[in-house]
Amino acid sequence: MASVQFGELPFLTVDYDVCSCAYSQDGKLFAVGIRSGDINMYETSNWEKVRTLNGHNKEATSSEEVTSALNGHSKEATSVMFSPSSGQIASGSLDETVKLWDVESG
């Protein structure tokens, strides 16, 4: 333990309760399912949000952010997971469904 150094790790702040989170298979993306029903995706190299997949009619707050509507869940998403290829995200919802979403197009 003498060689271990402790310090503050990066953290993300979101506007709603976090329901679940998952790394992509290659570790380059990190998905966060939040209570609003949105899934925020971050690049792990700099922890910047690169996409928001949402199921509500909200506008993105950043001009650099890509937003895709997830028209399918009638209630908030409670879990997210990347496919082994990292090309899709599966989301589970309180509406008792699981949906598959394309990472690039939503």
PDB file of N, CA and C in Angstrom:
ATOM      1  N   MET A   1       0.810  -1.197   0.000  1.00  0.00           N
ATOM      2  CA  MET A   1       0.000   0.000   0.000  1.00  0.00           C
ATOM      3  C   MET A   1       0.860   1.269   0.000  1.00  0.00           C
ATOM      4  N   ALA A   2       2.160   1.161   0.236  1.00  0.00           N
ATOM      5  CA  ALA A   2       3.002   2.345   0.311  1.00  0.00           C
ATOM      6  C   ALA A   2       3.051   3.090  -1.014  1.00  0.00           C
ATOM      7  N   SER A   3       2.894   2.393  -2.144  1.00  0.00           N
ATOM      8  CA  SER A   3       2.982   3.057  -3.441  1.00  0.00           C
ATOM      9  C   SER A   3       1.651   3.636  -3.906  1.00  0.00           C
ATOM     10  N   VAL A   4       0.565   3.378  -3.179  1.00  0.00           N
ATOM     11  CA  VAL A   4      -0.746   3.872  -3.577  1.00  0.00           C
ATOM     12  C   VAL A   4      -0.890   5.335  -3.190  1.00  0.00           C
ATOM     13  N   GLN A   5      -1.333   6.165  -4.153  1.00  0.00           N
ATOM     14  CA  GLN A   5      -1.585   7.580  -3.867  1.00  0.00           C
ATOM     15  C   GLN A   5      -3.079   7.829  -3.973  1.00  0.00           C
ATOM     16  N   PHE A   6      -3.605   8.554  -3.045  1.00  0.00           N
ATOM     17  CA  PHE A   6      -5.017   8.869  -3.042  1.00  0.00           C
ATOM     18  C   PHE A   6      -5.216  10.294  -3.526  1.00  0.00           C
ATOM     19  N   GLY A   7      -6.261  10.502  -4.258  1.00  0.00           N
ATOM     20  CA  GLY A   7      -6.585  11.828  -4.754  1.00  0.00           C
ATOM     21  C   GLY A   7      -8.015  11.845  -5.249  1.00  0.00           C
ATOM     22  N   GLU A   8      -8.458  12.994  -5.628  1.00  0.00           N
ATOM     23  CA  GLU A   8      -9.830  13.123  -6.090  1.00  0.00           C
ATOM     24  C   GLU A   8      -9.959  12.628  -7.517  1.00  0.00           C
ATOM     25  N   LEU A   9     -10.923  11.760  -7.749  1.00  0.00           N
ATOM     26  CA  LEU A   9     -11.223  11.266  -9.077  1.00  0.00           C
ATOM     27  C   LEU A   9     -12.210  12.205  -9.744  1.00  0.00           C
ATOM     28  N   PRO A  10     -12.282  12.185 -11.077  1.00  0.00           N
ATOM     29  CA  PRO A  10     -13.273  13.028 -11.745  1.00  0.00           C
ATOM     30  C   PRO A  10     -14.681  12.593 -11.347  1.00  0.00           C
ATOM     31  N   PHE A  11     -15.597  13.555 -11.336  1.00  0.00           N
ATOM     32  CA  PHE A  11     -16.981  13.218 -11.067  1.00  0.00           C
ATOM     33  C   PHE A  11     -17.872  14.030 -11.984  1.00  0.00           C
ATOM     34  N   LEU A  12     -19.063  13.527 -12.216  1.00  0.00           N
ATOM     35  CA  LEU A  12     -20.035  14.166 -13.083  1.00  0.00           C
ATOM     36  C   LEU A  12     -21.178  14.691 -12.227  1.00  0.00           C
ATOM     37  N   THR A  13     -21.703  15.830 -12.596  1.00  0.00           N
ATOM     38  CA  THR A  13     -22.872  16.381 -11.936  1.00  0.00           C
ATOM     39  C   THR A  13     -24.001  16.434 -12.945  1.00  0.00           C
ATOM     40  N   VAL A  14     -25.146  15.871 -12.601  1.00  0.00           N
ATOM     41  CA  VAL A  14     -26.313  15.876 -13.482  1.00  0.00           C
ATOM     42  C   VAL A  14     -27.475  16.527 -12.749  1.00  0.00           C
ATOM     43  N   ASP A  15     -28.524  16.883 -13.501  1.00  0.00           N
ATOM     44  CA  ASP A  15     -29.647  17.624 -12.936  1.00  0.00           C
ATOM     45  C   ASP A  15     -30.694  16.749 -12.254  1.00  0.00           C
ATOM     46  N   TYR A  16     -30.599  15.429 -12.401  1.00  0.00           N
ATOM     47  CA  TYR A  16     -31.593  14.522 -11.839  1.00  0.00           C
ATOM     48  C   TYR A  16     -30.897  13.371 -11.133  1.00  0.00           C
ATOM     49  N   ASP A  17     -31.677  12.557 -10.439  1.00  0.00           N
ATOM     50  CA  ASP A  17     -31.130  11.362  -9.801  1.00  0.00           C
ATOM     51  C   ASP A  17     -30.546  10.429 -10.850  1.00  0.00           C
ATOM     52  N   VAL A  18     -29.405   9.844 -10.553  1.00  0.00           N
ATOM     53  CA  VAL A  18     -28.783   8.869 -11.446  1.00  0.00           C
ATOM     54  C   VAL A  18     -29.380   7.504 -11.141  1.00  0.00           C
ATOM     55  N   CYS A  19     -29.896   6.844 -12.193  1.00  0.00           N
ATOM     56  CA  CYS A  19     -30.502   5.515 -12.040  1.00  0.00           C
ATOM     57  C   CYS A  19     -29.512   4.410 -12.358  1.00  0.00           C
ATOM     58  N   SER A  20     -28.640   4.648 -13.337  1.00  0.00           N
ATOM     59  CA  SER A  20     -27.685   3.621 -13.726  1.00  0.00           C
ATOM     60  C   SER A  20     -26.603   4.243 -14.590  1.00  0.00           C
ATOM     61  N   CYS A  21     -25.518   3.486 -14.763  1.00  0.00           N
ATOM     62  CA  CYS A  21     -24.438   3.954 -15.624  1.00  0.00           C
ATOM     63  C   CYS A  21     -23.660   2.750 -16.143  1.00  0.00           C
ATOM     64  N   ALA A  22     -22.992   2.966 -17.298  1.00  0.00           N
ATOM     65  CA  ALA A  22     -22.256   1.862 -17.913  1.00  0.00           C
ATOM     66  C   ALA A  22     -21.169   2.410 -18.823  1.00  0.00           C
ATOM     67  N   TYR A  23     -20.012   1.739 -18.840  1.00  0.00           N
ATOM     68  CA  TYR A  23     -18.935   2.038 -19.784  1.00  0.00           C
ATOM     69  C   TYR A  23     -19.167   1.268 -21.074  1.00  0.00           C
ATOM     70  N   SER A  24     -18.764   1.865 -22.206  1.00  0.00           N
ATOM     71  CA  SER A  24     -18.749   1.123 -23.459  1.00  0.00           C
ATOM     72  C   SER A  24     -17.662   0.059 -23.373  1.00  0.00           C
ATOM     73  N   GLN A  25     -17.740  -0.924 -24.242  1.00  0.00           N
ATOM     74  CA  GLN A  25     -16.785  -2.042 -24.219  1.00  0.00           C
ATOM     75  C   GLN A  25     -15.349  -1.557 -24.362  1.00  0.00           C
ATOM     76  N   ASP A  26     -15.137  -0.534 -25.204  1.00  0.00           N
ATOM     77  CA  ASP A  26     -13.779  -0.021 -25.413  1.00  0.00           C
ATOM     78  C   ASP A  26     -13.369   1.023 -24.376  1.00  0.00           C
ATOM     79  N   GLY A  27     -14.284   1.381 -23.481  1.00  0.00           N
ATOM     80  CA  GLY A  27     -13.968   2.329 -22.418  1.00  0.00           C
ATOM     81  C   GLY A  27     -13.942   3.778 -22.850  1.00  0.00           C
ATOM     82  N   LYS A  28     -14.289   4.079 -24.087  1.00  0.00           N
ATOM     83  CA  LYS A  28     -14.215   5.456 -24.586  1.00  0.00           C
ATOM     84  C   LYS A  28     -15.462   6.271 -24.274  1.00  0.00           C
ATOM     85  N   LEU A  29     -16.583   5.598 -24.016  1.00  0.00           N
ATOM     86  CA  LEU A  29     -17.832   6.287 -23.702  1.00  0.00           C
ATOM     87  C   LEU A  29     -18.377   5.801 -22.368  1.00  0.00           C
ATOM     88  N   PHE A  30     -19.120   6.670 -21.695  1.00  0.00           N
ATOM     89  CA  PHE A  30     -19.742   6.355 -20.427  1.00  0.00           C
ATOM     90  C   PHE A  30     -21.178   6.849 -20.495  1.00  0.00           C
ATOM     91  N   ALA A  31     -22.148   5.967 -20.297  1.00  0.00           N
ATOM     92  CA  ALA A  31     -23.566   6.326 -20.378  1.00  0.00           C
ATOM     93  C   ALA A  31     -24.144   6.413 -18.969  1.00  0.00           C
ATOM     94  N   VAL A  32     -24.966   7.456 -18.747  1.00  0.00           N
ATOM     95  CA  VAL A  32     -25.603   7.670 -17.454  1.00  0.00           C
ATOM     96  C   VAL A  32     -27.104   7.801 -17.669  1.00  0.00           C
ATOM     97  N   GLY A  33     -27.885   6.888 -17.087  1.00  0.00           N
ATOM     98  CA  GLY A  33     -29.342   6.979 -17.125  1.00  0.00           C
ATOM     99  C   GLY A  33     -29.805   7.796 -15.937  1.00  0.00           C
ATOM    100  N   ILE A  34     -30.587   8.853 -16.199  1.00  0.00           N
ATOM    101  CA  ILE A  34     -31.038   9.727 -15.116  1.00  0.00           C
ATOM    102  C   ILE A  34     -32.553   9.707 -14.982  1.00  0.00           C
ATOM    103  N   ARG A  35     -33.054  10.116 -13.842  1.00  0.00           N
ATOM    104  CA  ARG A  35     -34.462  10.013 -13.483  1.00  0.00           C
ATOM    105  C   ARG A  35     -35.386  10.720 -14.468  1.00  0.00           C
ATOM    106  N   SER A  36     -34.917  11.715 -15.190  1.00  0.00           N
ATOM    107  CA  SER A  36     -35.761  12.416 -16.167  1.00  0.00           C
ATOM    108  C   SER A  36     -36.128  11.526 -17.350  1.00  0.00           C
ATOM    109  N   GLY A  37     -35.429  10.390 -17.483  1.00  0.00           N
ATOM    110  CA  GLY A  37     -35.630   9.512 -18.617  1.00  0.00           C
ATOM    111  C   GLY A  37     -34.544   9.648 -19.666  1.00  0.00           C
ATOM    112  N   ASP A  38     -33.659  10.611 -19.514  1.00  0.00           N
ATOM    113  CA  ASP A  38     -32.574  10.834 -20.459  1.00  0.00           C
ATOM    114  C   ASP A  38     -31.425   9.869 -20.214  1.00  0.00           C
ATOM    115  N   ILE A  39     -30.617   9.671 -21.257  1.00  0.00           N
ATOM    116  CA  ILE A  39     -29.353   8.955 -21.138  1.00  0.00           C
ATOM    117  C   ILE A  39     -28.274   9.903 -21.640  1.00  0.00           C
ATOM    118  N   ASN A  40     -27.396  10.343 -20.743  1.00  0.00           N
ATOM    119  CA  ASN A  40     -26.284  11.220 -21.116  1.00  0.00           C
ATOM    120  C   ASN A  40     -25.072  10.359 -21.433  1.00  0.00           C
ATOM    121  N   MET A  41     -24.365  10.716 -22.516  1.00  0.00           N
ATOM    122  CA  MET A  41     -23.161   9.983 -22.894  1.00  0.00           C
ATOM    123  C   MET A  41     -21.961  10.922 -22.823  1.00  0.00           C
ATOM    124  N   TYR A  42     -20.890  10.451 -22.204  1.00  0.00           N
ATOM    125  CA  TYR A  42     -19.679  11.231 -21.986  1.00  0.00           C
ATOM    126  C   TYR A  42     -18.478  10.531 -22.607  1.00  0.00           C
ATOM    127  N   GLU A  43     -17.547  11.321 -23.143  1.00  0.00           N
ATOM    128  CA  GLU A  43     -16.249  10.781 -23.561  1.00  0.00           C
ATOM    129  C   GLU A  43     -15.399  10.639 -22.315  1.00  0.00           C
ATOM    130  N   THR A  44     -14.795   9.484 -22.112  1.00  0.00           N
ATOM    131  CA  THR A  44     -14.009   9.268 -20.901  1.00  0.00           C
ATOM    132  C   THR A  44     -12.636   9.937 -20.952  1.00  0.00           C
ATOM    133  N   SER A  45     -12.207  10.357 -22.132  1.00  0.00           N
ATOM    134  CA  SER A  45     -10.900  11.014 -22.229  1.00  0.00           C
ATOM    135  C   SER A  45     -10.911  12.390 -21.574  1.00  0.00           C
ATOM    136  N   ASN A  46     -12.065  13.075 -21.605  1.00  0.00           N
ATOM    137  CA  ASN A  46     -12.138  14.418 -21.017  1.00  0.00           C
ATOM    138  C   ASN A  46     -13.406  14.635 -20.194  1.00  0.00           C
ATOM    139  N   TRP A  47     -14.269  13.629 -20.124  1.00  0.00           N
ATOM    140  CA  TRP A  47     -15.531  13.638 -19.378  1.00  0.00           C
ATOM    141  C   TRP A  47     -16.491  14.718 -19.847  1.00  0.00           C
ATOM    142  N   GLU A  48     -16.422  15.067 -21.120  1.00  0.00           N
ATOM    143  CA  GLU A  48     -17.377  16.018 -21.688  1.00  0.00           C
ATOM    144  C   GLU A  48     -18.573  15.267 -22.238  1.00  0.00           C
ATOM    145  N   LYS A  49     -19.767  15.851 -22.035  1.00  0.00           N
ATOM    146  CA  LYS A  49     -20.982  15.241 -22.570  1.00  0.00           C
ATOM    147  C   LYS A  49     -20.988  15.404 -24.075  1.00  0.00           C
ATOM    148  N   VAL A  50     -21.171  14.295 -24.797  1.00  0.00           N
ATOM    149  CA  VAL A  50     -21.149  14.328 -26.258  1.00  0.00           C
ATOM    150  C   VAL A  50     -22.517  14.051 -26.862  1.00  0.00           C
ATOM    151  N   ARG A  51     -23.439  13.521 -26.074  1.00  0.00           N
ATOM    152  CA  ARG A  51     -24.760  13.208 -26.612  1.00  0.00           C
ATOM    153  C   ARG A  51     -25.735  13.048 -25.455  1.00  0.00           C
ATOM    154  N   THR A  52     -26.958  13.472 -25.694  1.00  0.00           N
ATOM    155  CA  THR A  52     -28.054  13.186 -24.781  1.00  0.00           C
ATOM    156  C   THR A  52     -29.146  12.497 -25.572  1.00  0.00           C
ATOM    157  N   LEU A  53     -29.502  11.298 -25.149  1.00  0.00           N
ATOM    158  CA  LEU A  53     -30.626  10.592 -25.735  1.00  0.00           C
ATOM    159  C   LEU A  53     -31.797  10.843 -24.805  1.00  0.00           C
ATOM    160  N   ASN A  54     -32.838  11.499 -25.304  1.00  0.00           N
ATOM    161  CA  ASN A  54     -33.941  11.813 -24.405  1.00  0.00           C
ATOM    162  C   ASN A  54     -35.276  11.389 -24.963  1.00  0.00           C
ATOM    163  N   GLY A  55     -36.182  11.158 -24.054  1.00  0.00           N
ATOM    164  CA  GLY A  55     -37.517  10.734 -24.416  1.00  0.00           C
ATOM    165  C   GLY A  55     -38.546  11.809 -24.182  1.00  0.00           C
ATOM    166  N   HIS A  56     -38.089  13.010 -23.892  1.00  0.00           N
ATOM    167  CA  HIS A  56     -38.987  14.128 -23.622  1.00  0.00           C
ATOM    168  C   HIS A  56     -38.719  15.221 -24.629  1.00  0.00           C
ATOM    169  N   ASN A  57     -39.631  16.145 -24.769  1.00  0.00           N
ATOM    170  CA  ASN A  57     -39.450  17.257 -25.708  1.00  0.00           C
ATOM    171  C   ASN A  57     -38.719  18.388 -25.025  1.00  0.00           C
ATOM    172  N   LYS A  58     -37.418  18.200 -24.806  1.00  0.00           N
ATOM    173  CA  LYS A  58     -36.573  19.216 -24.194  1.00  0.00           C
ATOM    174  C   LYS A  58     -35.523  19.618 -25.203  1.00  0.00           C
ATOM    175  N   GLU A  59     -35.039  20.818 -25.083  1.00  0.00           N
ATOM    176  CA  GLU A  59     -33.970  21.252 -25.966  1.00  0.00           C
ATOM    177  C   GLU A  59     -32.637  21.083 -25.263  1.00  0.00           C
ATOM    178  N   ALA A  60     -31.600  20.820 -26.029  1.00  0.00           N
ATOM    179  CA  ALA A  60     -30.253  20.709 -25.474  1.00  0.00           C
ATOM    180  C   ALA A  60     -29.810  22.070 -24.971  1.00  0.00           C
ATOM    181  N   THR A  61     -29.016  22.083 -23.892  1.00  0.00           N
ATOM    182  CA  THR A  61     -28.577  23.336 -23.309  1.00  0.00           C
ATOM    183  C   THR A  61     -27.222  23.778 -23.835  1.00  0.00           C
ATOM    184  N   SER A  62     -26.578  22.952 -24.624  1.00  0.00           N
ATOM    185  CA  SER A  62     -25.260  23.290 -25.145  1.00  0.00           C
ATOM    186  C   SER A  62     -25.267  23.141 -26.656  1.00  0.00           C
ATOM    187  N   SER A  63     -24.685  24.095 -27.346  1.00  0.00           N
ATOM    188  CA  SER A  63     -24.663  24.030 -28.804  1.00  0.00           C
ATOM    189  C   SER A  63     -23.762  22.908 -29.306  1.00  0.00           C
ATOM    190  N   GLU A  64     -22.839  22.418 -28.483  1.00  0.00           N
ATOM    191  CA  GLU A  64     -21.936  21.354 -28.898  1.00  0.00           C
ATOM    192  C   GLU A  64     -22.543  19.976 -28.658  1.00  0.00           C
ATOM    193  N   GLU A  65     -23.620  19.911 -27.932  1.00  0.00           N
ATOM    194  CA  GLU A  65     -24.214  18.637 -27.551  1.00  0.00           C
ATOM    195  C   GLU A  65     -25.140  18.135 -28.647  1.00  0.00           C
ATOM    196  N   VAL A  66     -25.072  16.847 -28.926  1.00  0.00           N
ATOM    197  CA  VAL A  66     -25.962  16.223 -29.895  1.00  0.00           C
ATOM    198  C   VAL A  66     -27.115  15.606 -29.130  1.00  0.00           C
ATOM    199  N   THR A  67     -28.339  15.883 -29.558  1.00  0.00           N
ATOM    200  CA  THR A  67     -29.504  15.348 -28.869  1.00  0.00           C
ATOM    201  C   THR A  67     -30.297  14.471 -29.810  1.00  0.00           C
ATOM    202  N   SER A  68     -30.702  13.319 -29.354  1.00  0.00           N
ATOM    203  CA  SER A  68     -31.546  12.410 -30.110  1.00  0.00           C
ATOM    204  C   SER A  68     -32.732  12.037 -29.249  1.00  0.00           C
ATOM    205  N   ALA A  69     -33.900  11.996 -29.839  1.00  0.00           N
ATOM    206  CA  ALA A  69     -35.091  11.630 -29.088  1.00  0.00           C
ATOM    207  C   ALA A  69     -35.235  10.123 -29.051  1.00  0.00           C
ATOM    208  N   LEU A  70     -35.527   9.608 -27.874  1.00  0.00           N
ATOM    209  CA  LEU A  70     -35.813   8.193 -27.706  1.00  0.00           C
ATOM    210  C   LEU A  70     -37.323   8.052 -27.598  1.00  0.00           C
ATOM    211  N   ASN A  71     -37.976   7.942 -28.717  1.00  0.00           N
ATOM    212  CA  ASN A  71     -39.418   7.800 -28.717  1.00  0.00           C
ATOM    213  C   ASN A  71     -39.757   6.342 -28.555  1.00  0.00           C
ATOM    214  N   GLY A  72     -40.118   5.949 -27.364  1.00  0.00           N
ATOM    215  CA  GLY A  72     -40.412   4.555 -27.124  1.00  0.00           C
ATOM    216  C   GLY A  72     -40.811   4.290 -25.689  1.00  0.00           C
ATOM    217  N   HIS A  73     -40.037   4.745 -24.720  1.00  0.00           N
ATOM    218  CA  HIS A  73     -40.372   4.552 -23.319  1.00  0.00           C
ATOM    219  C   HIS A  73     -41.456   5.548 -22.913  1.00  0.00           C
ATOM    220  N   SER A  74     -42.441   5.074 -22.181  1.00  0.00           N
ATOM    221  CA  SER A  74     -43.480   5.969 -21.685  1.00  0.00           C
ATOM    222  C   SER A  74     -43.189   6.437 -20.263  1.00  0.00           C
ATOM    223  N   LYS A  75     -42.162   5.818 -19.622  1.00  0.00           N
ATOM    224  CA  LYS A  75     -41.714   6.234 -18.293  1.00  0.00           C
ATOM    225  C   LYS A  75     -40.191   6.325 -18.322  1.00  0.00           C
ATOM    226  N   GLU A  76     -39.594   6.807 -17.221  1.00  0.00           N
ATOM    227  CA  GLU A  76     -38.157   7.038 -17.226  1.00  0.00           C
ATOM    228  C   GLU A  76     -37.347   5.759 -17.337  1.00  0.00           C
ATOM    229  N   ALA A  77     -36.188   5.891 -17.978  1.00  0.00           N
ATOM    230  CA  ALA A  77     -35.241   4.784 -18.095  1.00  0.00           C
ATOM    231  C   ALA A  77     -34.574   4.592 -16.739  1.00  0.00           C
ATOM    232  N   THR A  78     -34.443   3.340 -16.316  1.00  0.00           N
ATOM    233  CA  THR A  78     -33.838   3.056 -15.016  1.00  0.00           C
ATOM    234  C   THR A  78     -32.532   2.284 -15.128  1.00  0.00           C
ATOM    235  N   SER A  79     -32.199   1.834 -16.335  1.00  0.00           N
ATOM    236  CA  SER A  79     -30.925   1.145 -16.514  1.00  0.00           C
ATOM    237  C   SER A  79     -30.459   1.289 -17.953  1.00  0.00           C
ATOM    238  N   VAL A  80     -29.149   1.314 -18.116  1.00  0.00           N
ATOM    239  CA  VAL A  80     -28.560   1.389 -19.449  1.00  0.00           C
ATOM    240  C   VAL A  80     -27.364   0.456 -19.512  1.00  0.00           C
ATOM    241  N   MET A  81     -27.103  -0.079 -20.719  1.00  0.00           N
ATOM    242  CA  MET A  81     -25.947  -0.938 -20.910  1.00  0.00           C
ATOM    243  C   MET A  81     -25.542  -0.900 -22.372  1.00  0.00           C
ATOM    244  N   PHE A  82     -24.246  -0.824 -22.633  1.00  0.00           N
ATOM    245  CA  PHE A  82     -23.731  -0.880 -23.989  1.00  0.00           C
ATOM    246  C   PHE A  82     -23.736  -2.313 -24.490  1.00  0.00           C
ATOM    247  N   SER A  83     -23.936  -2.479 -25.806  1.00  0.00           N
ATOM    248  CA  SER A  83     -23.776  -3.782 -26.434  1.00  0.00           C
ATOM    249  C   SER A  83     -22.283  -4.120 -26.459  1.00  0.00           C
ATOM    250  N   PRO A  84     -21.918  -5.387 -26.667  1.00  0.00           N
ATOM    251  CA  PRO A  84     -20.497  -5.752 -26.721  1.00  0.00           C
ATOM    252  C   PRO A  84     -19.712  -4.968 -27.771  1.00  0.00           C
ATOM    253  N   SER A  85     -20.342  -4.585 -28.874  1.00  0.00           N
ATOM    254  CA  SER A  85     -19.644  -3.823 -29.915  1.00  0.00           C
ATOM    255  C   SER A  85     -19.632  -2.331 -29.628  1.00  0.00           C
ATOM    256  N   SER A  86     -20.354  -1.882 -28.596  1.00  0.00           N
ATOM    257  CA  SER A  86     -20.509  -0.471 -28.231  1.00  0.00           C
ATOM    258  C   SER A  86     -21.285   0.326 -29.259  1.00  0.00           C
ATOM    259  N   GLY A  87     -21.943  -0.345 -30.189  1.00  0.00           N
ATOM    260  CA  GLY A  87     -22.716   0.354 -31.212  1.00  0.00           C
ATOM    261  C   GLY A  87     -24.159   0.600 -30.829  1.00  0.00           C
ATOM    262  N   GLN A  88     -24.630  -0.088 -29.783  1.00  0.00           N
ATOM    263  CA  GLN A  88     -25.997   0.079 -29.318  1.00  0.00           C
ATOM    264  C   GLN A  88     -26.010   0.236 -27.806  1.00  0.00           C
ATOM    265  N   ILE A  89     -27.090   0.860 -27.330  1.00  0.00           N
ATOM    266  CA  ILE A  89     -27.354   0.948 -25.896  1.00  0.00           C
ATOM    267  C   ILE A  89     -28.703   0.291 -25.656  1.00  0.00           C
ATOM    268  N   ALA A  90     -28.790  -0.546 -24.647  1.00  0.00           N
ATOM    269  CA  ALA A  90     -30.064  -1.098 -24.204  1.00  0.00           C
ATOM    270  C   ALA A  90     -30.510  -0.281 -23.000  1.00  0.00           C
ATOM    271  N   SER A  91     -31.784   0.087 -22.981  1.00  0.00           N
ATOM    272  CA  SER A  91     -32.311   0.824 -21.835  1.00  0.00           C
ATOM    273  C   SER A  91     -33.533   0.114 -21.292  1.00  0.00           C
ATOM    274  N   GLY A  92     -33.575  -0.028 -19.976  1.00  0.00           N
ATOM    275  CA  GLY A  92     -34.721  -0.597 -19.293  1.00  0.00           C
ATOM    276  C   GLY A  92     -35.504   0.539 -18.657  1.00  0.00           C
ATOM    277  N   SER A  93     -36.808   0.387 -18.585  1.00  0.00           N
ATOM    278  CA  SER A  93     -37.656   1.485 -18.130  1.00  0.00           C
ATOM    279  C   SER A  93     -38.685   1.009 -17.122  1.00  0.00           C
ATOM    280  N   LEU A  94     -39.226   1.965 -16.365  1.00  0.00           N
ATOM    281  CA  LEU A  94     -40.322   1.673 -15.459  1.00  0.00           C
ATOM    282  C   LEU A  94     -41.606   1.338 -16.216  1.00  0.00           C
ATOM    283  N   ASP A  95     -41.609   1.518 -17.549  1.00  0.00           N
ATOM    284  CA  ASP A  95     -42.771   1.115 -18.336  1.00  0.00           C
ATOM    285  C   ASP A  95     -42.734  -0.379 -18.674  1.00  0.00           C
ATOM    286  N   GLU A  96     -41.795  -1.105 -18.044  1.00  0.00           N
ATOM    287  CA  GLU A  96     -41.651  -2.549 -18.178  1.00  0.00           C
ATOM    288  C   GLU A  96     -41.217  -2.995 -19.571  1.00  0.00           C
ATOM    289  N   THR A  97     -40.395  -2.156 -20.233  1.00  0.00           N
ATOM    290  CA  THR A  97     -39.852  -2.509 -21.538  1.00  0.00           C
ATOM    291  C   THR A  97     -38.345  -2.330 -21.543  1.00  0.00           C
ATOM    292  N   VAL A  98     -37.692  -3.014 -22.470  1.00  0.00           N
ATOM    293  CA  VAL A  98     -36.277  -2.820 -22.760  1.00  0.00           C
ATOM    294  C   VAL A  98     -36.197  -2.419 -24.223  1.00  0.00           C
ATOM    295  N   LYS A  99     -35.485  -1.332 -24.519  1.00  0.00           N
ATOM    296  CA  LYS A  99     -35.349  -0.827 -25.892  1.00  0.00           C
ATOM    297  C   LYS A  99     -33.886  -0.833 -26.278  1.00  0.00           C
ATOM    298  N   LEU A 100     -33.612  -1.016 -27.581  1.00  0.00           N
ATOM    299  CA  LEU A 100     -32.256  -0.921 -28.119  1.00  0.00           C
ATOM    300  C   LEU A 100     -32.140   0.352 -28.935  1.00  0.00           C
ATOM    301  N   TRP A 101     -31.043   1.082 -28.732  1.00  0.00           N
ATOM    302  CA  TRP A 101     -30.820   2.367 -29.406  1.00  0.00           C
ATOM    303  C   TRP A 101     -29.458   2.348 -30.080  1.00  0.00           C
ATOM    304  N   ASP A 102     -29.395   2.888 -31.298  1.00  0.00           N
ATOM    305  CA  ASP A 102     -28.135   3.045 -32.012  1.00  0.00           C
ATOM    306  C   ASP A 102     -27.374   4.212 -31.385  1.00  0.00           C
ATOM    307  N   VAL A 103     -26.109   4.009 -31.029  1.00  0.00           N
ATOM    308  CA  VAL A 103     -25.324   5.037 -30.355  1.00  0.00           C
ATOM    309  C   VAL A 103     -25.165   6.291 -31.216  1.00  0.00           C
ATOM    310  N   GLU A 104     -24.964   6.128 -32.511  1.00  0.00           N
ATOM    311  CA  GLU A 104     -24.741   7.275 -33.403  1.00  0.00           C
ATOM    312  C   GLU A 104     -26.017   8.035 -33.734  1.00  0.00           C
ATOM    313  N   SER A 105     -27.090   7.326 -34.037  1.00  0.00           N
ATOM    314  CA  SER A 105     -28.288   8.003 -34.517  1.00  0.00           C
ATOM    315  C   SER A 105     -29.388   8.142 -33.479  1.00  0.00           C
ATOM    316  N   GLY A 106     -29.281   7.376 -32.386  1.00  0.00           N
ATOM    317  CA  GLY A 106     -30.350   7.404 -31.391  1.00  0.00           C
ATOM    318  C   GLY A 106     -31.485   6.501 -31.774  1.00  0.00           C
TER     319      GLY A 106
END
